[in-house]
Amino acid sequence: MEEIARRAGVGSATLHRHFPSRQRLLEAVFRGKVEALCATAGDLADDPDPGQALVTWLRAVAGHAVSNRGLAASLMRGGQDGDPTLGATCHTMIVDAGEDLLTRARWAEAVRPGVSIRDLLTLANAISLAVEQEPDGVAQADRLLGLALDGVRPAAKGKS
């Protein structure tokens, strides 16, 4: 915590006033990252290609998951002074942000019927888990997600 205060250019007392523990600081960092991910979904909401907007956001989700896996795991182990609702709150935020993009993609017939946001988030998370130890995990997750999402798109007319 002392090193963080020094690098942030604030006094240790100031840091401790805002974040009484390392756990609270980590929670604030993680929540900020989730809020940024959800803001990205909001930015994509007006994209003229709803299918591409959904894909772009899911790639951001996969990158987020690969990049923040250790932080998320640390927070879920947590401590007594942690926010027990943090995981559920962040998950709900992500689901809600993605649901809006998926709804637009459905209207544009850019996804197969029956695909849910939970399906897509599970897919992105599974891919992220598979590559998290790789040195280029974010790039691999992006490539694998692109391959998987090809199966989410509706089949071309005349093909099954």
N, C-alpha and C. Protein backbone atom coordinates (compact mmCIF):
# COMPACT_ATOMS: atom_id res chain seq x y z
N MET A 1 0.83 -1.19 0.00
CA MET A 1 0.00 0.00 0.00
C MET A 1 0.88 1.26 0.00
N GLU A 2 1.99 1.20 0.72
CA GLU A 2 2.88 2.37 0.78
C GLU A 2 3.46 2.67 -0.60
N GLU A 3 3.84 1.63 -1.32
CA GLU A 3 4.39 1.80 -2.67
C GLU A 3 3.33 2.38 -3.61
N ILE A 4 2.11 1.93 -3.48
CA ILE A 4 1.02 2.43 -4.31
C ILE A 4 0.80 3.91 -4.04
N ALA A 5 0.79 4.29 -2.77
CA ALA A 5 0.61 5.70 -2.41
C ALA A 5 1.75 6.54 -3.00
N ARG A 6 2.96 6.04 -2.89
CA ARG A 6 4.11 6.78 -3.42
C ARG A 6 3.98 6.97 -4.93
N ARG A 7 3.66 5.90 -5.64
CA ARG A 7 3.54 5.99 -7.10
C ARG A 7 2.36 6.86 -7.53
N ALA A 8 1.32 6.88 -6.72
CA ALA A 8 0.15 7.72 -7.04
C ALA A 8 0.38 9.17 -6.67
N GLY A 9 1.45 9.43 -5.95
CA GLY A 9 1.75 10.80 -5.55
C GLY A 9 0.86 11.33 -4.45
N VAL A 10 0.38 10.43 -3.61
CA VAL A 10 -0.45 10.83 -2.48
C VAL A 10 0.18 10.29 -1.20
N GLY A 11 -0.24 10.86 -0.11
CA GLY A 11 0.25 10.38 1.17
C GLY A 11 -0.39 9.06 1.54
N SER A 12 0.30 8.31 2.35
CA SER A 12 -0.19 7.01 2.80
C SER A 12 -1.52 7.16 3.53
N ALA A 13 -1.65 8.20 4.34
CA ALA A 13 -2.89 8.41 5.09
C ALA A 13 -4.06 8.66 4.14
N THR A 14 -3.82 9.39 3.06
CA THR A 14 -4.88 9.65 2.09
C THR A 14 -5.33 8.35 1.45
N LEU A 15 -4.38 7.52 1.05
CA LEU A 15 -4.73 6.24 0.44
C LEU A 15 -5.53 5.38 1.41
N HIS A 16 -5.08 5.31 2.65
CA HIS A 16 -5.77 4.48 3.65
C HIS A 16 -7.15 5.03 4.01
N ARG A 17 -7.33 6.32 3.89
CA ARG A 17 -8.64 6.92 4.15
C ARG A 17 -9.65 6.46 3.09
N HIS A 18 -9.21 6.41 1.84
CA HIS A 18 -10.09 5.98 0.76
C HIS A 18 -10.20 4.47 0.65
N PHE A 19 -9.11 3.80 0.96
CA PHE A 19 -9.05 2.34 0.85
C PHE A 19 -8.43 1.78 2.12
N PRO A 20 -9.24 1.42 3.11
CA PRO A 20 -8.70 0.99 4.39
C PRO A 20 -7.92 -0.33 4.34
N SER A 21 -8.03 -1.05 3.23
CA SER A 21 -7.29 -2.31 3.11
C SER A 21 -6.90 -2.53 1.66
N ARG A 22 -5.97 -3.44 1.47
CA ARG A 22 -5.56 -3.83 0.12
C ARG A 22 -6.75 -4.40 -0.64
N GLN A 23 -7.58 -5.17 0.05
CA GLN A 23 -8.76 -5.77 -0.56
C GLN A 23 -9.69 -4.70 -1.14
N ARG A 24 -9.92 -3.63 -0.38
CA ARG A 24 -10.81 -2.56 -0.86
C ARG A 24 -10.21 -1.85 -2.09
N LEU A 25 -8.90 -1.70 -2.10
CA LEU A 25 -8.24 -1.08 -3.25
C LEU A 25 -8.39 -1.98 -4.49
N LEU A 26 -8.15 -3.26 -4.32
CA LEU A 26 -8.30 -4.20 -5.43
C LEU A 26 -9.74 -4.21 -5.95
N GLU A 27 -10.70 -4.15 -5.05
CA GLU A 27 -12.10 -4.11 -5.46
C GLU A 27 -12.38 -2.88 -6.31
N ALA A 28 -11.85 -1.74 -5.90
CA ALA A 28 -12.07 -0.50 -6.65
C ALA A 28 -11.44 -0.60 -8.04
N VAL A 29 -10.26 -1.18 -8.12
CA VAL A 29 -9.60 -1.35 -9.41
C VAL A 29 -10.43 -2.26 -10.31
N PHE A 30 -10.86 -3.39 -9.76
CA PHE A 30 -11.63 -4.35 -10.55
C PHE A 30 -12.96 -3.75 -11.00
N ARG A 31 -13.65 -3.10 -10.09
CA ARG A 31 -14.93 -2.49 -10.44
C ARG A 31 -14.73 -1.44 -11.55
N GLY A 32 -13.64 -0.70 -11.46
CA GLY A 32 -13.34 0.29 -12.50
C GLY A 32 -13.12 -0.36 -13.85
N LYS A 33 -12.45 -1.51 -13.86
CA LYS A 33 -12.22 -2.22 -15.12
C LYS A 33 -13.54 -2.75 -15.69
N VAL A 34 -14.41 -3.24 -14.83
CA VAL A 34 -15.71 -3.73 -15.28
C VAL A 34 -16.56 -2.57 -15.80
N GLU A 35 -16.53 -1.44 -15.11
CA GLU A 35 -17.27 -0.27 -15.57
C GLU A 35 -16.78 0.18 -16.95
N ALA A 36 -15.46 0.12 -17.16
CA ALA A 36 -14.91 0.49 -18.47
C ALA A 36 -15.37 -0.48 -19.55
N LEU A 37 -15.41 -1.76 -19.22
CA LEU A 37 -15.88 -2.77 -20.17
C LEU A 37 -17.35 -2.52 -20.52
N CYS A 38 -18.14 -2.18 -19.53
CA CYS A 38 -19.56 -1.89 -19.78
C CYS A 38 -19.72 -0.59 -20.56
N ALA A 39 -18.86 0.38 -20.31
CA ALA A 39 -18.90 1.63 -21.08
C ALA A 39 -18.58 1.36 -22.55
N THR A 40 -17.70 0.42 -22.80
CA THR A 40 -17.39 0.04 -24.18
C THR A 40 -18.65 -0.49 -24.86
N ALA A 41 -19.42 -1.30 -24.14
CA ALA A 41 -20.69 -1.79 -24.70
C ALA A 41 -21.60 -0.63 -25.02
N GLY A 42 -21.67 0.35 -24.14
CA GLY A 42 -22.49 1.53 -24.39
C GLY A 42 -22.02 2.30 -25.61
N ASP A 43 -20.71 2.40 -25.78
CA ASP A 43 -20.16 3.10 -26.95
C ASP A 43 -20.51 2.37 -28.25
N LEU A 44 -20.62 1.06 -28.17
CA LEU A 44 -20.90 0.25 -29.37
C LEU A 44 -22.40 0.16 -29.68
N ALA A 45 -23.23 0.64 -28.77
CA ALA A 45 -24.67 0.49 -28.92
C ALA A 45 -25.22 1.16 -30.18
N ASP A 46 -24.55 2.18 -30.67
CA ASP A 46 -25.03 2.89 -31.86
C ASP A 46 -24.30 2.48 -33.13
N ASP A 47 -23.46 1.45 -33.04
CA ASP A 47 -22.73 0.99 -34.21
C ASP A 47 -23.73 0.59 -35.30
N PRO A 48 -23.50 0.99 -36.54
CA PRO A 48 -24.44 0.63 -37.60
C PRO A 48 -24.48 -0.87 -37.91
N ASP A 49 -23.49 -1.62 -37.44
CA ASP A 49 -23.47 -3.07 -37.64
C ASP A 49 -23.58 -3.75 -36.27
N PRO A 50 -24.81 -4.04 -35.81
CA PRO A 50 -24.99 -4.61 -34.48
C PRO A 50 -24.27 -5.93 -34.26
N GLY A 51 -24.16 -6.74 -35.29
CA GLY A 51 -23.44 -8.01 -35.16
C GLY A 51 -21.97 -7.79 -34.88
N GLN A 52 -21.37 -6.87 -35.63
CA GLN A 52 -19.96 -6.56 -35.43
C GLN A 52 -19.74 -5.89 -34.08
N ALA A 53 -20.69 -5.07 -33.65
CA ALA A 53 -20.58 -4.43 -32.34
C ALA A 53 -20.54 -5.48 -31.24
N LEU A 54 -21.39 -6.49 -31.34
CA LEU A 54 -21.40 -7.56 -30.35
C LEU A 54 -20.08 -8.32 -30.36
N VAL A 55 -19.57 -8.64 -31.53
CA VAL A 55 -18.30 -9.35 -31.64
C VAL A 55 -17.16 -8.52 -31.05
N THR A 56 -17.14 -7.24 -31.37
CA THR A 56 -16.10 -6.35 -30.83
C THR A 56 -16.14 -6.35 -29.32
N TRP A 57 -17.32 -6.28 -28.76
CA TRP A 57 -17.44 -6.25 -27.30
C TRP A 57 -17.06 -7.59 -26.68
N LEU A 58 -17.47 -8.69 -27.29
CA LEU A 58 -17.10 -10.00 -26.76
C LEU A 58 -15.59 -10.20 -26.79
N ARG A 59 -14.94 -9.66 -27.80
CA ARG A 59 -13.47 -9.72 -27.83
C ARG A 59 -12.88 -8.90 -26.69
N ALA A 60 -13.49 -7.78 -26.38
CA ALA A 60 -13.05 -6.98 -25.23
C ALA A 60 -13.28 -7.74 -23.92
N VAL A 61 -14.39 -8.47 -23.84
CA VAL A 61 -14.68 -9.28 -22.65
C VAL A 61 -13.61 -10.35 -22.48
N ALA A 62 -13.28 -11.04 -23.57
CA ALA A 62 -12.26 -12.09 -23.49
C ALA A 62 -10.92 -11.50 -23.09
N GLY A 63 -10.55 -10.38 -23.66
CA GLY A 63 -9.30 -9.71 -23.29
C GLY A 63 -9.30 -9.30 -21.83
N HIS A 64 -10.43 -8.78 -21.38
CA HIS A 64 -10.58 -8.39 -19.97
C HIS A 64 -10.39 -9.62 -19.07
N ALA A 65 -11.03 -10.72 -19.44
CA ALA A 65 -10.96 -11.93 -18.62
C ALA A 65 -9.53 -12.47 -18.54
N VAL A 66 -8.83 -12.49 -19.67
CA VAL A 66 -7.45 -12.98 -19.67
C VAL A 66 -6.57 -12.05 -18.84
N SER A 67 -6.72 -10.76 -19.03
CA SER A 67 -5.86 -9.77 -18.36
C SER A 67 -6.12 -9.63 -16.87
N ASN A 68 -7.33 -9.94 -16.43
CA ASN A 68 -7.69 -9.68 -15.04
C ASN A 68 -7.99 -10.94 -14.24
N ARG A 69 -7.67 -12.10 -14.79
CA ARG A 69 -7.99 -13.36 -14.12
C ARG A 69 -7.39 -13.42 -12.71
N GLY A 70 -6.13 -13.05 -12.55
CA GLY A 70 -5.51 -13.09 -11.24
C GLY A 70 -6.16 -12.14 -10.26
N LEU A 71 -6.52 -10.97 -10.72
CA LEU A 71 -7.19 -10.00 -9.87
C LEU A 71 -8.56 -10.51 -9.45
N ALA A 72 -9.30 -11.04 -10.39
CA ALA A 72 -10.63 -11.57 -10.07
C ALA A 72 -10.53 -12.72 -9.08
N ALA A 73 -9.58 -13.62 -9.29
CA ALA A 73 -9.42 -14.76 -8.38
C ALA A 73 -9.04 -14.28 -6.99
N SER A 74 -8.17 -13.31 -6.92
CA SER A 74 -7.77 -12.76 -5.63
C SER A 74 -8.95 -12.15 -4.90
N LEU A 75 -9.78 -11.44 -5.62
CA LEU A 75 -10.95 -10.82 -5.02
C LEU A 75 -11.97 -11.85 -4.56
N MET A 76 -12.13 -12.91 -5.31
CA MET A 76 -13.11 -13.93 -4.93
C MET A 76 -12.66 -14.68 -3.68
N ARG A 77 -11.35 -14.83 -3.50
CA ARG A 77 -10.84 -15.42 -2.25
C ARG A 77 -11.12 -14.46 -1.11
N GLY A 78 -10.86 -13.19 -1.39
CA GLY A 78 -11.23 -12.08 -0.52
C GLY A 78 -10.80 -12.18 0.91
N GLY A 79 -11.24 -11.23 1.64
CA GLY A 79 -11.00 -11.15 3.06
C GLY A 79 -12.27 -10.75 3.76
N GLN A 80 -12.20 -10.67 5.05
CA GLN A 80 -13.39 -10.33 5.82
C GLN A 80 -13.88 -8.92 5.54
N ASP A 81 -12.98 -8.03 5.17
CA ASP A 81 -13.38 -6.65 4.93
C ASP A 81 -13.79 -6.40 3.48
N GLY A 82 -13.84 -7.45 2.67
CA GLY A 82 -14.19 -7.29 1.27
C GLY A 82 -15.69 -7.18 1.06
N ASP A 83 -16.06 -6.80 -0.14
CA ASP A 83 -17.47 -6.68 -0.51
C ASP A 83 -17.96 -8.04 -1.00
N PRO A 84 -18.81 -8.71 -0.23
CA PRO A 84 -19.25 -10.05 -0.63
C PRO A 84 -20.13 -10.05 -1.88
N THR A 85 -20.62 -8.90 -2.28
CA THR A 85 -21.49 -8.83 -3.46
C THR A 85 -20.74 -8.41 -4.72
N LEU A 86 -19.45 -8.13 -4.61
CA LEU A 86 -18.70 -7.59 -5.75
C LEU A 86 -18.80 -8.48 -6.98
N GLY A 87 -18.55 -9.76 -6.85
CA GLY A 87 -18.60 -10.66 -8.01
C GLY A 87 -19.96 -10.67 -8.67
N ALA A 88 -21.00 -10.76 -7.87
CA ALA A 88 -22.36 -10.79 -8.42
C ALA A 88 -22.71 -9.46 -9.07
N THR A 89 -22.32 -8.37 -8.44
CA THR A 89 -22.61 -7.05 -8.99
C THR A 89 -21.91 -6.86 -10.33
N CYS A 90 -20.64 -7.18 -10.38
CA CYS A 90 -19.88 -7.02 -11.63
C CYS A 90 -20.43 -7.94 -12.71
N HIS A 91 -20.77 -9.15 -12.35
CA HIS A 91 -21.33 -10.09 -13.33
C HIS A 91 -22.64 -9.55 -13.90
N THR A 92 -23.49 -9.03 -13.04
CA THR A 92 -24.76 -8.47 -13.49
C THR A 92 -24.54 -7.29 -14.42
N MET A 93 -23.57 -6.45 -14.10
CA MET A 93 -23.26 -5.30 -14.96
C MET A 93 -22.86 -5.77 -16.35
N ILE A 94 -22.02 -6.80 -16.42
CA ILE A 94 -21.54 -7.32 -17.70
C ILE A 94 -22.68 -7.97 -18.48
N VAL A 95 -23.49 -8.77 -17.80
CA VAL A 95 -24.62 -9.42 -18.47
C VAL A 95 -25.57 -8.37 -19.04
N ASP A 96 -25.89 -7.35 -18.25
CA ASP A 96 -26.81 -6.31 -18.73
C ASP A 96 -26.24 -5.56 -19.93
N ALA A 97 -24.97 -5.23 -19.88
CA ALA A 97 -24.33 -4.52 -20.99
C ALA A 97 -24.35 -5.38 -22.25
N GLY A 98 -24.04 -6.64 -22.11
CA GLY A 98 -24.03 -7.54 -23.26
C GLY A 98 -25.41 -7.83 -23.80
N GLU A 99 -26.38 -7.90 -22.91
CA GLU A 99 -27.76 -8.18 -23.34
C GLU A 99 -28.26 -7.11 -24.31
N ASP A 100 -27.93 -5.88 -24.04
CA ASP A 100 -28.35 -4.80 -24.94
C ASP A 100 -27.75 -4.98 -26.33
N LEU A 101 -26.47 -5.33 -26.39
CA LEU A 101 -25.83 -5.54 -27.69
C LEU A 101 -26.40 -6.77 -28.40
N LEU A 102 -26.66 -7.82 -27.64
CA LEU A 102 -27.22 -9.04 -28.23
C LEU A 102 -28.62 -8.78 -28.78
N THR A 103 -29.41 -8.02 -28.06
CA THR A 103 -30.76 -7.69 -28.53
C THR A 103 -30.70 -6.99 -29.89
N ARG A 104 -29.81 -6.02 -30.02
CA ARG A 104 -29.65 -5.33 -31.31
C ARG A 104 -29.19 -6.29 -32.41
N ALA A 105 -28.26 -7.19 -32.04
CA ALA A 105 -27.76 -8.16 -33.02
C ALA A 105 -28.87 -9.12 -33.45
N ARG A 106 -29.74 -9.48 -32.52
CA ARG A 106 -30.88 -10.34 -32.87
C ARG A 106 -31.79 -9.64 -33.87
N TRP A 107 -32.11 -8.38 -33.60
CA TRP A 107 -32.97 -7.61 -34.50
C TRP A 107 -32.38 -7.54 -35.90
N ALA A 108 -31.06 -7.48 -35.97
CA ALA A 108 -30.38 -7.42 -37.27
C ALA A 108 -30.16 -8.81 -37.86
N GLU A 109 -30.64 -9.84 -37.17
CA GLU A 109 -30.47 -11.23 -37.58
C GLU A 109 -29.00 -11.58 -37.78
N ALA A 110 -28.17 -11.07 -36.87
CA ALA A 110 -26.72 -11.31 -36.94
C ALA A 110 -26.27 -12.45 -36.03
N VAL A 111 -27.21 -13.01 -35.26
CA VAL A 111 -26.91 -14.17 -34.42
C VAL A 111 -28.01 -15.20 -34.60
N ARG A 112 -27.65 -16.43 -34.34
CA ARG A 112 -28.64 -17.51 -34.45
C ARG A 112 -29.72 -17.32 -33.38
N PRO A 113 -30.93 -17.73 -33.67
CA PRO A 113 -31.97 -17.70 -32.64
C PRO A 113 -31.57 -18.62 -31.48
N GLY A 114 -31.94 -18.26 -30.30
CA GLY A 114 -31.67 -19.09 -29.14
C GLY A 114 -30.34 -18.83 -28.46
N VAL A 115 -29.46 -18.03 -29.07
CA VAL A 115 -28.19 -17.70 -28.44
C VAL A 115 -28.46 -16.70 -27.31
N SER A 116 -27.95 -16.98 -26.14
CA SER A 116 -28.14 -16.07 -25.00
C SER A 116 -26.83 -15.37 -24.65
N ILE A 117 -26.95 -14.27 -23.95
CA ILE A 117 -25.75 -13.56 -23.53
C ILE A 117 -24.94 -14.43 -22.57
N ARG A 118 -25.62 -15.21 -21.76
CA ARG A 118 -24.89 -16.12 -20.85
C ARG A 118 -24.09 -17.16 -21.65
N ASP A 119 -24.65 -17.64 -22.76
CA ASP A 119 -23.91 -18.56 -23.64
C ASP A 119 -22.62 -17.89 -24.12
N LEU A 120 -22.77 -16.67 -24.61
CA LEU A 120 -21.63 -15.97 -25.18
C LEU A 120 -20.59 -15.62 -24.13
N LEU A 121 -21.03 -15.23 -22.95
CA LEU A 121 -20.07 -14.91 -21.88
C LEU A 121 -19.38 -16.17 -21.37
N THR A 122 -20.11 -17.27 -21.31
CA THR A 122 -19.49 -18.55 -20.91
C THR A 122 -18.43 -18.95 -21.93
N LEU A 123 -18.75 -18.78 -23.19
CA LEU A 123 -17.80 -19.09 -24.26
C LEU A 123 -16.54 -18.22 -24.13
N ALA A 124 -16.72 -16.91 -23.96
CA ALA A 124 -15.57 -16.01 -23.82
C ALA A 124 -14.75 -16.36 -22.58
N ASN A 125 -15.42 -16.69 -21.48
CA ASN A 125 -14.72 -17.04 -20.26
C ASN A 125 -13.95 -18.36 -20.41
N ALA A 126 -14.58 -19.35 -21.04
CA ALA A 126 -13.91 -20.64 -21.23
C ALA A 126 -12.65 -20.49 -22.08
N ILE A 127 -12.76 -19.70 -23.12
CA ILE A 127 -11.59 -19.45 -23.98
C ILE A 127 -10.51 -18.74 -23.18
N SER A 128 -10.90 -17.78 -22.38
CA SER A 128 -9.93 -17.05 -21.55
C SER A 128 -9.22 -17.97 -20.58
N LEU A 129 -9.96 -18.87 -19.97
CA LEU A 129 -9.35 -19.84 -19.06
C LEU A 129 -8.34 -20.73 -19.79
N ALA A 130 -8.68 -21.11 -21.01
CA ALA A 130 -7.82 -22.01 -21.78
C ALA A 130 -6.48 -21.38 -22.14
N VAL A 131 -6.43 -20.06 -22.26
CA VAL A 131 -5.20 -19.41 -22.73
C VAL A 131 -4.53 -18.54 -21.67
N GLU A 132 -5.04 -18.54 -20.45
CA GLU A 132 -4.55 -17.59 -19.46
C GLU A 132 -3.07 -17.74 -19.12
N GLN A 133 -2.50 -18.90 -19.30
CA GLN A 133 -1.08 -19.10 -18.99
C GLN A 133 -0.17 -18.84 -20.19
N GLU A 134 -0.75 -18.58 -21.33
CA GLU A 134 0.03 -18.34 -22.54
C GLU A 134 0.59 -16.93 -22.56
N PRO A 135 1.82 -16.75 -23.06
CA PRO A 135 2.41 -15.40 -23.09
C PRO A 135 1.61 -14.41 -23.94
N ASP A 136 0.96 -14.91 -24.98
CA ASP A 136 0.15 -14.04 -25.83
C ASP A 136 -1.33 -14.41 -25.67
N GLY A 137 -1.75 -14.59 -24.43
CA GLY A 137 -3.10 -15.05 -24.12
C GLY A 137 -4.20 -14.20 -24.69
N VAL A 138 -4.05 -12.89 -24.65
CA VAL A 138 -5.09 -12.00 -25.16
C VAL A 138 -5.25 -12.21 -26.67
N ALA A 139 -4.14 -12.31 -27.39
CA ALA A 139 -4.20 -12.52 -28.84
C ALA A 139 -4.79 -13.89 -29.16
N GLN A 140 -4.40 -14.89 -28.40
CA GLN A 140 -4.95 -16.23 -28.64
C GLN A 140 -6.44 -16.27 -28.34
N ALA A 141 -6.85 -15.62 -27.25
CA ALA A 141 -8.27 -15.58 -26.91
C ALA A 141 -9.05 -14.91 -28.03
N ASP A 142 -8.52 -13.83 -28.56
CA ASP A 142 -9.18 -13.11 -29.65
C ASP A 142 -9.35 -14.01 -30.87
N ARG A 143 -8.30 -14.73 -31.23
CA ARG A 143 -8.35 -15.61 -32.39
C ARG A 143 -9.35 -16.75 -32.18
N LEU A 144 -9.29 -17.39 -31.02
CA LEU A 144 -10.19 -18.50 -30.72
C LEU A 144 -11.65 -18.04 -30.64
N LEU A 145 -11.85 -16.88 -30.05
CA LEU A 145 -13.22 -16.36 -29.96
C LEU A 145 -13.77 -16.08 -31.36
N GLY A 146 -12.93 -15.55 -32.25
CA GLY A 146 -13.37 -15.33 -33.63
C GLY A 146 -13.80 -16.63 -34.29
N LEU A 147 -13.05 -17.69 -34.07
CA LEU A 147 -13.43 -18.99 -34.63
C LEU A 147 -14.75 -19.48 -34.05
N ALA A 148 -14.91 -19.35 -32.75
CA ALA A 148 -16.13 -19.82 -32.09
C ALA A 148 -17.35 -18.99 -32.51
N LEU A 149 -17.17 -17.71 -32.66
CA LEU A 149 -18.30 -16.85 -33.01
C LEU A 149 -18.79 -17.09 -34.42
N ASP A 150 -17.95 -17.66 -35.26
CA ASP A 150 -18.43 -18.03 -36.59
C ASP A 150 -19.60 -19.02 -36.48
N GLY A 151 -19.59 -19.83 -35.43
CA GLY A 151 -20.68 -20.77 -35.21
C GLY A 151 -21.92 -20.13 -34.62
N VAL A 152 -21.82 -18.92 -34.14
CA VAL A 152 -22.95 -18.22 -33.54
C VAL A 152 -23.75 -17.48 -34.60
N ARG A 153 -23.07 -17.12 -35.66
CA ARG A 153 -23.75 -16.39 -36.73
C ARG A 153 -24.75 -17.30 -37.43
N PRO A 154 -25.81 -16.72 -37.97
CA PRO A 154 -26.80 -17.57 -38.66
C PRO A 154 -26.15 -18.24 -39.87
N ALA A 155 -26.63 -19.42 -40.16
CA ALA A 155 -26.13 -20.14 -41.33
C ALA A 155 -26.59 -19.42 -42.60
N ALA A 156 -25.74 -19.44 -43.60
CA ALA A 156 -26.11 -18.84 -44.88
C ALA A 156 -27.29 -19.61 -45.46
N LYS A 157 -28.12 -18.92 -46.19
CA LYS A 157 -29.29 -19.56 -46.80
C LYS A 157 -28.83 -20.74 -47.66
N GLY A 158 -29.49 -21.87 -47.49
CA GLY A 158 -29.14 -23.05 -48.26
C GLY A 158 -28.08 -23.93 -47.61
N LYS A 159 -27.49 -23.44 -46.47
CA LYS A 159 -26.50 -24.25 -45.75
C LYS A 159 -27.07 -24.58 -44.38
N SER A 160 -26.63 -25.68 -43.81
CA SER A 160 -27.11 -26.02 -42.47
C SER A 160 -26.02 -25.90 -41.46
